[in-house]
Protein backbone atom coordinates (compact mmCIF):
# COMPACT_ATOMS: atom_id res chain seq x y z
CA MET A 1 125.89 98.34 99.77
CA ASP A 2 123.93 95.50 101.46
CA ASN A 3 122.46 92.44 99.76
CA LYS A 4 118.91 93.05 100.94
CA GLN A 5 116.07 93.76 98.57
CA TYR A 6 113.81 96.65 99.54
CA ILE A 7 110.16 96.02 98.64
CA VAL A 8 107.47 98.73 98.66
CA ALA A 9 103.72 98.09 98.47
CA LEU A 10 100.77 100.48 98.32
CA GLU A 11 97.21 99.57 99.26
CA ILE A 12 94.49 102.07 98.37
CA GLY A 13 91.46 101.46 100.56
CA SER A 14 88.17 103.26 101.07
CA SER A 15 89.16 104.85 104.37
CA LYS A 16 92.94 105.07 104.14
CA ILE A 17 95.96 104.49 101.94
CA VAL A 18 98.68 102.31 103.44
CA GLY A 19 102.28 102.18 102.26
CA ALA A 20 104.74 99.63 103.60
CA ILE A 21 108.39 98.74 103.11
CA ALA A 22 109.99 95.36 103.78
CA THR A 23 113.47 94.01 103.36
CA HIS A 24 113.98 90.60 101.82
CA SER A 25 116.94 88.27 101.64
CA ALA A 26 117.38 84.56 101.00
CA LEU A 27 118.47 83.92 104.58
CA ALA A 28 116.34 86.35 106.60
CA GLY A 29 113.13 86.18 104.52
CA VAL A 30 110.67 89.09 104.60
CA SER A 31 110.90 91.70 107.35
CA VAL A 32 108.43 94.60 107.49
CA VAL A 33 110.41 97.68 108.53
CA ALA A 34 108.04 100.63 108.00
CA VAL A 35 104.34 101.38 107.58
CA GLU A 36 102.71 104.75 106.90
CA GLU A 37 99.11 105.70 106.18
CA GLU A 38 96.89 108.61 105.18
CA SER A 39 93.13 109.06 105.54
CA VAL A 40 91.19 109.24 102.27
CA VAL A 41 87.55 109.50 103.34
CA ASP A 42 85.45 110.43 100.27
CA CYS A 43 88.55 110.56 98.00
CA VAL A 44 88.15 106.82 97.43
CA ARG A 45 84.70 105.25 97.36
CA TYR A 46 84.16 101.50 97.52
CA GLY A 47 87.82 100.94 96.72
CA VAL A 48 87.79 103.10 93.57
CA ILE A 49 89.71 106.38 93.37
CA GLN A 50 87.32 109.31 92.90
CA ASN A 51 89.62 112.31 93.34
CA ILE A 52 92.97 111.61 91.73
CA GLU A 53 94.55 114.92 92.81
CA GLU A 54 93.68 114.45 96.48
CA VAL A 55 94.86 110.84 96.48
CA ASN A 56 98.03 111.85 94.65
CA THR A 57 98.85 114.33 97.42
CA ARG A 58 98.36 111.68 100.08
CA VAL A 59 100.42 109.07 98.24
CA GLY A 60 103.20 111.62 97.91
CA ARG A 61 103.14 112.21 101.66
CA ILE A 62 103.27 108.48 102.35
CA ILE A 63 106.29 108.03 100.08
CA HIS A 64 108.02 111.01 101.69
CA LYS A 65 107.40 109.67 105.21
CA LEU A 66 108.63 106.20 104.27
CA GLU A 67 111.80 107.65 102.75
CA ASN A 68 112.43 109.63 105.93
CA ARG A 69 112.30 106.56 108.15
CA ALA A 70 115.70 105.88 109.70
CA VAL A 71 115.66 102.29 108.38
CA VAL A 72 115.17 103.59 104.82
CA ALA A 73 116.96 106.96 104.56
CA PRO A 74 118.87 108.10 102.60
CA ARG A 75 117.50 105.64 100.03
CA LYS A 76 114.78 106.89 97.69
CA ILE A 77 111.76 104.88 96.54
CA LYS A 78 112.06 104.34 92.80
CA SER A 79 109.32 101.71 92.26
CA LEU A 80 106.54 99.87 94.06
CA TYR A 81 103.71 97.33 93.81
CA VAL A 82 100.09 98.50 93.89
CA GLY A 83 97.03 96.56 95.05
CA VAL A 84 93.86 96.29 92.98
CA GLN A 85 90.50 95.81 94.71
CA GLY A 86 87.07 97.39 94.71
CA ARG A 87 83.33 97.11 94.59
CA SER A 88 82.99 95.54 91.14
CA MET A 89 85.67 92.87 91.57
CA HIS A 90 84.54 89.24 91.24
CA ASN A 91 85.53 86.01 89.54
CA TYR A 92 84.31 84.87 86.13
CA VAL A 93 84.74 81.22 85.14
CA ALA A 94 85.92 80.76 81.56
CA GLN A 95 86.69 77.54 79.67
CA VAL A 96 88.65 76.61 76.56
CA SER A 97 89.37 73.23 74.92
CA LYS A 98 92.03 71.79 72.64
CA GLN A 99 92.13 68.57 70.58
CA PHE A 100 95.30 67.03 69.16
CA THR A 101 96.95 63.73 68.39
CA GLU A 102 98.17 62.08 71.57
CA THR A 103 101.07 64.09 72.93
CA THR A 104 102.69 65.29 76.12
CA ILE A 105 101.09 68.50 77.37
CA THR A 106 103.66 71.25 77.85
CA GLU A 107 103.77 74.60 79.64
CA LYS A 108 103.52 76.26 76.23
CA VAL A 109 100.17 74.57 75.58
CA ILE A 110 98.81 75.81 78.92
CA ASP A 111 100.03 79.37 78.27
CA GLU A 112 98.41 79.37 74.84
CA MET A 113 95.11 78.19 76.35
CA LYS A 114 95.27 80.88 79.03
CA THR A 115 95.79 83.56 76.38
CA GLU A 116 93.00 82.16 74.22
CA CYS A 117 90.67 81.99 77.20
CA ARG A 118 91.30 85.64 78.06
CA GLU A 119 90.69 86.74 74.48
CA ILE A 120 87.40 84.85 74.29
CA ALA A 121 86.27 86.16 77.67
CA LYS A 122 86.93 89.79 76.70
CA LYS A 123 84.03 89.51 74.26
CA GLN A 124 81.75 88.14 76.99
CA ILE A 125 82.45 90.54 79.87
CA ASP A 126 81.51 93.86 78.30
CA GLY A 127 82.18 96.73 80.69
CA PHE A 128 84.76 94.80 82.73
CA GLU A 129 88.54 94.40 82.60
CA ILE A 130 90.51 91.23 83.40
CA VAL A 131 92.91 92.00 86.25
CA GLY A 132 93.98 88.44 87.10
CA THR A 133 93.87 84.87 85.82
CA ILE A 134 93.95 81.83 88.09
CA PRO A 135 93.71 78.17 86.98
CA ARG A 136 90.58 76.46 88.29
CA LYS A 137 90.83 72.92 86.92
CA TYR A 138 91.99 70.89 83.92
CA LEU A 139 90.49 67.82 82.27
CA VAL A 140 92.94 65.72 80.27
CA ASP A 141 91.03 63.12 78.25
CA LYS A 142 88.09 63.88 80.56
CA THR A 143 90.11 63.09 83.69
CA GLU A 144 90.49 65.97 86.17
CA THR A 145 93.97 67.04 87.20
CA GLN A 146 95.48 70.11 88.83
CA LYS A 147 98.87 69.60 87.17
CA PRO A 148 98.42 68.90 83.46
CA VAL A 149 102.00 69.68 82.38
CA GLY A 150 103.74 66.40 81.58
CA THR A 151 100.47 64.48 81.19
CA LEU A 152 99.95 62.37 78.05
CA GLY A 153 96.63 62.98 76.27
CA SER A 154 94.76 63.85 73.11
CA SER A 155 92.41 66.48 74.55
CA ILE A 156 92.41 69.05 77.31
CA ASP A 157 89.70 71.26 78.79
CA ALA A 158 91.01 74.19 80.83
CA TYR A 159 88.91 76.21 83.27
CA PHE A 160 90.18 79.54 84.57
CA ASN A 161 89.04 81.99 87.21
CA LEU A 162 89.27 85.38 85.56
CA ILE A 163 89.29 88.13 88.20
CA ILE A 164 87.44 91.03 86.64
CA ALA A 165 86.56 94.59 87.66
CA LYS A 166 85.35 97.83 86.13
CA PRO A 167 88.09 99.46 84.01
CA GLN A 168 88.22 102.56 86.21
CA VAL A 169 89.41 100.48 89.20
CA ARG A 170 92.87 99.94 87.70
CA GLY A 171 92.63 102.80 85.22
CA ASN A 172 92.39 105.43 87.95
CA ILE A 173 95.32 103.85 89.78
CA ARG A 174 97.39 104.12 86.60
CA ARG A 175 96.45 107.78 86.19
CA LEU A 176 97.45 108.36 89.80
CA MET A 177 100.82 106.66 89.47
CA GLU A 178 101.65 108.65 86.32
CA LYS A 179 101.74 111.70 88.59
CA GLN A 180 104.22 110.10 90.97
CA GLN A 181 107.94 109.92 90.29
CA VAL A 182 108.01 106.16 90.83
CA ASP A 183 107.51 103.14 88.57
CA VAL A 184 104.87 100.46 89.10
CA ASN A 185 106.46 97.00 89.13
CA GLY A 186 103.10 95.26 89.09
CA TYR A 187 99.42 95.35 90.03
CA PHE A 188 98.37 92.68 92.54
CA VAL A 189 94.82 91.43 93.09
CA VAL A 190 94.64 92.02 96.85
CA PRO A 191 92.23 89.17 97.81
CA ASN A 192 94.52 86.66 96.08
CA CYS A 193 97.58 87.98 97.94
CA VAL A 194 95.75 87.76 101.27
CA ALA A 195 94.68 84.17 100.59
CA GLU A 196 98.24 83.15 99.73
CA ALA A 197 99.64 84.69 102.91
CA VAL A 198 96.91 83.86 105.44
CA LEU A 199 95.30 80.54 104.51
CA SER A 200 96.97 77.24 105.29
CA ASN A 201 97.16 74.45 102.72
CA GLU A 202 94.78 72.42 104.87
CA GLU A 203 92.20 75.20 104.96
CA ARG A 204 92.32 75.69 101.19
CA ARG A 205 92.01 71.96 100.54
CA LEU A 206 89.26 71.20 103.05
CA GLY A 207 87.27 74.29 102.15
CA CYS A 208 87.08 77.70 103.83
CA MET A 209 85.81 81.24 103.47
CA LEU A 210 88.12 84.25 103.62
CA VAL A 211 86.46 87.55 104.58
CA ASP A 212 88.17 90.95 104.27
CA PHE A 213 85.94 93.33 106.24
CA GLY A 214 86.91 96.84 105.10
CA ALA A 215 85.48 100.33 105.46
CA GLU A 216 83.08 100.39 102.51
CA THR A 217 83.47 96.93 100.99
CA THR A 218 83.64 93.36 102.25
CA THR A 219 85.40 90.86 100.01
CA VAL A 220 84.48 87.17 100.26
CA SER A 221 86.63 84.39 98.78
CA ILE A 222 85.70 80.71 99.00
CA TYR A 223 88.26 77.94 98.53
CA LYS A 224 87.69 74.20 98.08
CA ASN A 225 90.11 71.46 97.02
CA ASP A 226 92.91 74.05 96.95
CA VAL A 227 91.06 76.09 94.31
CA LEU A 228 89.36 79.49 94.40
CA ILE A 229 85.76 78.72 93.51
CA TYR A 230 84.14 82.05 94.29
CA LEU A 231 85.11 85.69 94.81
CA ALA A 232 82.79 88.66 95.27
CA THR A 233 82.93 92.16 96.73
CA ILE A 234 79.93 93.31 98.78
CA PRO A 235 79.38 97.11 98.88
CA VAL A 236 79.00 97.31 102.67
CA GLY A 237 81.59 97.73 105.40
CA SER A 238 82.36 99.16 108.80
CA ARG A 239 81.74 102.73 107.63
CA ASN A 240 78.06 101.84 107.24
CA ILE A 241 78.01 101.29 110.99
CA THR A 242 79.65 104.67 111.57
CA LYS A 243 77.09 106.42 109.37
CA ASP A 244 74.25 104.74 111.26
CA ILE A 245 75.58 106.16 114.53
CA THR A 246 75.47 109.69 113.06
CA ALA A 247 71.68 109.41 113.33
CA LEU A 248 72.25 110.30 116.99
CA ASN A 249 73.05 113.85 115.82
CA ILE A 250 76.82 113.60 115.80
CA LEU A 251 79.41 114.12 113.07
CA GLU A 252 80.93 111.13 111.30
CA GLU A 253 84.37 111.73 112.80
CA ARG A 254 82.92 111.60 116.32
CA ALA A 255 80.77 108.60 115.40
CA GLU A 256 83.86 106.71 114.26
CA GLU A 257 85.61 107.51 117.53
CA ILE A 258 82.61 106.31 119.53
CA LYS A 259 82.32 103.11 117.50
CA LYS A 260 85.95 102.26 118.21
CA SER A 261 85.73 103.03 121.92
CA VAL A 262 82.37 101.57 123.04
CA GLY A 263 80.89 99.92 119.95
CA ASN A 264 79.82 96.31 120.48
CA ALA A 265 78.28 94.24 117.70
CA ASN A 266 77.18 91.54 120.14
CA VAL A 267 75.74 93.62 122.96
CA GLN A 268 73.80 91.70 125.61
CA PRO A 269 70.76 92.87 127.63
CA SER A 270 72.82 92.47 130.80
CA ASP A 271 75.53 94.86 129.55
CA LYS A 272 75.60 98.12 131.49
CA SER A 273 75.11 101.35 129.57
CA VAL A 274 77.47 104.27 129.91
CA LEU A 275 77.35 107.84 128.71
CA ILE A 276 79.83 108.97 126.10
CA TYR A 277 79.56 112.52 124.80
CA ASP A 278 76.15 112.60 126.53
CA ILE A 279 74.94 109.66 124.43
CA ASN A 280 73.78 106.37 125.95
CA SER A 281 76.01 103.50 124.83
CA GLY A 282 72.93 101.29 124.63
CA ASP A 283 71.49 103.50 121.89
CA ILE A 284 74.83 103.42 120.06
CA ASN A 285 75.08 99.64 120.18
CA ASN A 286 71.56 99.17 118.93
CA TYR A 287 72.79 100.65 115.66
CA VAL A 288 76.07 98.74 115.78
CA ALA A 289 74.41 95.37 116.39
CA ALA A 290 71.70 95.86 113.77
CA ARG A 291 74.09 96.80 110.97
CA SER A 292 76.65 94.15 111.95
CA GLY A 293 73.97 91.48 111.76
CA GLU A 294 73.01 92.68 108.28
CA ILE A 295 76.62 92.61 107.08
CA VAL A 296 77.16 89.09 108.40
CA ALA A 297 73.92 87.94 106.75
CA ASN A 298 75.26 89.27 103.44
CA ILE A 299 78.54 87.44 104.00
CA MET A 300 76.82 84.13 104.67
CA ALA A 301 74.54 84.61 101.64
CA GLN A 302 77.63 84.33 99.43
CA LEU A 303 77.68 80.59 100.12
CA GLU A 304 74.35 80.24 98.34
CA TYR A 305 75.50 82.42 95.44
CA ALA A 306 78.58 80.18 95.13
CA LYS A 307 76.29 77.12 95.11
CA CYS A 308 77.86 75.94 98.37
CA THR A 309 76.65 75.12 101.85
CA VAL A 310 78.28 75.42 105.26
CA GLU A 311 79.34 71.78 104.88
CA ASP A 312 81.61 72.88 102.02
CA ILE A 313 83.75 75.06 104.34
CA PRO A 314 84.66 72.71 107.22
CA ALA A 315 87.95 74.57 107.76
CA GLY A 316 85.92 77.59 108.83
CA ILE A 317 85.84 81.34 108.24
CA ILE A 318 89.00 83.43 108.37
CA ILE A 319 88.51 87.18 108.88
CA VAL A 320 90.88 90.08 108.17
CA GLY A 321 90.60 93.85 107.63
CA GLY A 322 90.11 96.90 109.81
CA GLY A 323 86.43 96.19 110.42
CA VAL A 324 87.34 93.00 112.28
CA LYS A 325 88.60 95.12 115.19
CA LEU A 326 84.98 95.96 116.04
CA LYS A 327 84.20 94.32 119.37
CA GLY A 328 81.84 91.35 119.05
CA PHE A 329 81.98 91.09 115.24
CA ALA A 330 83.30 87.50 115.31
CA ASP A 331 80.58 86.65 117.83
CA VAL A 332 77.92 87.83 115.41
CA ILE A 333 79.36 85.54 112.73
CA ALA A 334 79.20 82.71 115.27
CA THR A 335 75.45 83.24 115.66
CA GLN A 336 74.99 82.44 111.96
CA TYR A 337 77.83 79.94 111.45
CA LYS A 338 78.67 77.19 113.92
CA GLY A 339 82.08 76.23 112.55
CA LYS A 340 85.61 77.54 113.19
CA ILE A 341 86.24 81.29 113.09
CA ARG A 342 89.66 82.88 113.40
CA GLU A 343 91.44 86.13 112.66
CA GLY A 344 93.91 85.93 109.80
CA ASN A 345 97.58 86.53 110.49
CA ILE A 346 100.84 86.14 108.61
CA ASP A 347 103.32 83.93 110.45
CA SER A 348 105.99 83.80 107.74
CA VAL A 349 107.02 87.46 108.19
CA ASP A 350 109.30 89.15 110.70
CA PHE A 351 107.71 92.36 111.97
CA THR A 352 110.52 94.78 112.77
CA ASN A 353 107.74 97.37 112.74
CA THR A 354 105.25 95.87 115.22
CA LYS A 355 102.46 98.19 114.08
CA ALA A 356 102.21 96.14 110.87
CA GLN A 357 101.10 93.09 112.86
CA GLY A 358 97.58 94.51 113.15
CA VAL A 359 94.82 92.65 111.32
CA GLU A 360 94.06 95.81 109.33
CA TYR A 361 97.52 95.65 107.72
CA VAL A 362 97.23 92.05 106.51
CA PRO A 363 96.39 93.14 102.91
CA VAL A 364 99.46 95.36 102.42
CA VAL A 365 101.79 92.90 104.17
CA SER A 366 100.48 90.06 102.00
CA MET A 367 101.38 92.16 98.95
CA LEU A 368 104.94 92.46 100.25
CA CYS A 369 105.08 88.67 100.55
CA ARG A 370 103.87 88.23 96.96
CA ALA A 371 106.41 90.78 95.71
CA ALA A 372 109.23 88.94 97.47
CA ARG A 373 108.37 85.84 95.43
CA VAL A 374 108.14 87.50 92.03
CA MET A 375 110.85 90.17 92.23
CA LYS A 376 114.04 89.51 90.28
CA ALA A 377 117.10 88.48 92.24
CA GLY A 378 119.18 91.54 93.06
CA ALA A 379 116.40 94.00 92.23
CA SER A 380 115.09 96.57 94.71
CA CYS A 381 112.30 99.13 94.98
CA CYS A 382 114.68 101.59 96.61
CA SER A 383 117.83 103.19 95.29
CA GLU A 384 121.01 102.48 97.20
CA PRO A 385 122.38 105.27 99.40
CA PRO A 386 125.20 107.32 97.88
CA SER A 387 128.72 106.29 98.81
CA THR A 388 130.47 108.27 101.53
CA GLY A 389 132.74 110.03 99.05
CA ASP A 390 132.83 110.68 95.31
CA ALA A 391 135.10 112.25 92.71
CA THR A 392 134.30 115.78 93.91
CA GLY A 393 134.65 115.02 97.59
CA ASP A 394 130.87 115.14 98.31
CA ALA A 395 129.87 113.39 101.53
CA THR A 396 126.32 112.73 102.73
CA THR A 397 125.38 112.10 106.34
CA THR A 398 121.95 111.34 107.78
CA THR A 399 120.75 112.01 111.30
CA GLY A 400 117.13 110.98 111.91
CA SER A 401 115.23 112.45 108.99
CA THR A 402 117.73 115.28 108.27
CA THR A 403 120.24 114.82 105.47
CA THR A 404 123.30 117.08 105.22
CA THR A 405 125.69 117.25 102.28
CA THR A 406 129.15 118.75 102.59
CA THR A 407 131.46 119.36 99.66
CA THR A 408 135.24 119.40 99.59
CA PRO A 409 136.88 120.70 96.39
CA ALA A 410 138.54 117.91 94.45
CA THR A 411 142.23 117.98 93.78
CA PRO A 412 142.86 118.84 90.12
CA ALA A 413 143.71 115.69 88.20
CA ASN A 414 146.61 117.11 86.20
CA GLY A 415 147.31 120.55 87.72
CA ASP A 416 146.39 122.43 84.54
CA ASP A 417 144.39 124.99 86.55
CA GLU A 418 147.36 125.85 88.74
CA LYS A 419 150.22 128.20 87.96
CA LYS A 420 153.25 126.08 87.15
CA PRO A 421 156.19 126.79 89.52
CA LYS A 422 159.72 127.27 88.35
CA LYS A 423 161.57 124.03 88.02
CA LYS A 424 164.02 123.43 90.82
CA SER A 425 165.14 120.51 92.86
CA PRO A 426 162.65 119.83 95.71
CA GLY A 427 163.87 119.82 99.24
CA LYS A 428 163.06 117.16 101.83
CA ILE A 429 159.99 119.00 103.19
CA ALA A 430 158.64 119.65 99.69
CA THR A 431 159.14 116.00 98.83
CA LEU A 432 157.20 114.96 101.96
CA PHE A 433 154.24 117.26 101.19
CA GLY A 434 154.24 116.13 97.58
CA SER A 435 153.89 112.52 98.68
CA ILE A 436 150.95 113.37 100.97
CA LYS A 437 149.26 115.35 98.18
CA THR A 438 149.54 112.41 95.80
CA LYS A 439 147.96 110.01 98.32
CA VAL A 440 145.04 112.38 99.00
CA ALA A 441 144.41 112.78 95.26
CA ASN A 442 144.38 109.01 94.82
CA ILE A 443 141.75 108.65 97.54
CA PHE A 444 139.38 111.10 95.84
CA GLU A 445 139.89 109.48 92.46
CA GLU A 446 138.84 105.96 93.54
CA PRO A 447 135.84 104.80 91.48
CA GLU A 448 132.47 104.36 93.18
CA GLU A 449 130.64 101.06 93.32
CA GLY A 450 127.94 100.99 90.64
CA GLU A 451 124.19 100.61 91.21
CA ASP A 452 121.96 97.97 89.74
CA GLU A 453 119.16 99.94 88.07
CA ASP A 454 117.46 97.14 86.17
CA ASP A 455 113.77 97.91 85.71
CA GLU A 456 111.20 95.47 87.06
CA GLU A 457 108.68 93.98 84.70
CA ASP A 458 104.98 94.09 85.54
CA ASN A 459 103.82 91.23 87.73
CA ASN A 460 100.07 90.71 87.57
CA ASP A 461 98.00 87.81 88.88
CA GLU A 462 98.38 85.83 85.72
């Protein structure tokens, strides 16, 4: 039995479900060892599960494929972390105050204010559910501080970012997971995980915009002074571009293929046109460029909704998600924003599975990083493989994805099931065989090493 923790995360997106496994140890850190995915077009819309049965089938296949990976088998996945995201997700600023005789503010006071704030907000956000709570700022005796614990004061005003979404976003995920034979250790707010893994401290403090460009949604988070000040999910994504291309009388599957191969969001008049499936690439890119420009305009409009300007994000715009792979997309952003633009990546992780390095896998990998921080020491999302031998002589061997179990009958512990021989003095040969028999019996009767099966508690963004 090794000392590594096995962490499993599941991201349910609008175009595909991604499952990933990482190992974690104090010395080696986080290492992504396996990634599997399944297409879910029309089963999930705008990040919200629509067909639970179809999604359940696909999640089951992902778990099965992960378990069959050579780096995982013969372990079985017993629990995982699930990402929460979707069209209705945004932040809601809530505030609560306390007055008292001058005292030292403790962690207990802050926790009580957080709970009170959530209870008050529930009455104000009808039709939404709180899926995460993040401190925004504190005022102790009217003086702003980010770390109130230990401060001496007689009053405190606490402001929290409540991440809220329609109840069906997480509710449908819960219904889905009830059908799977695995436990949910926690629900993670995906945009928060991505920000933690991708943004540098300098970017968060100076001010930046994080954009997750997905298939049917684009999530925008704005940070300033190391605080999330705005989060919104726009109901447009790269699939809108694909659907526009279908106007050229082709099916969506073919349109997606064409978009990936010749699509260019920043096409220039001097670019030469080519024929693909008897369609002029110039006609294709007219659609690609027009829709890409509209999406970027919606992204930049979030600055105004957040009551910010481009001067408030001097650290630039960081982009992640599968839509970012579209050729020329960053160039289109550059036509509307003159600051720094970069693709998000996660440097703190070792990618044993190089596929997971792709920008489209940043969300699920960021969830693995969050899980590594909150998981109990010694806990694991995967069961340990069975020992090579047990009390009945069972042995399990694994080759590739095929597992074979062979059974050898155990030696009776006391010989009650055997016919007792007549008592007589044993000869030398009998004595020798008796000694060998005793040693073999002792081998089979050695106790197995026990498993740690402690359950994980839920870990939400609170």
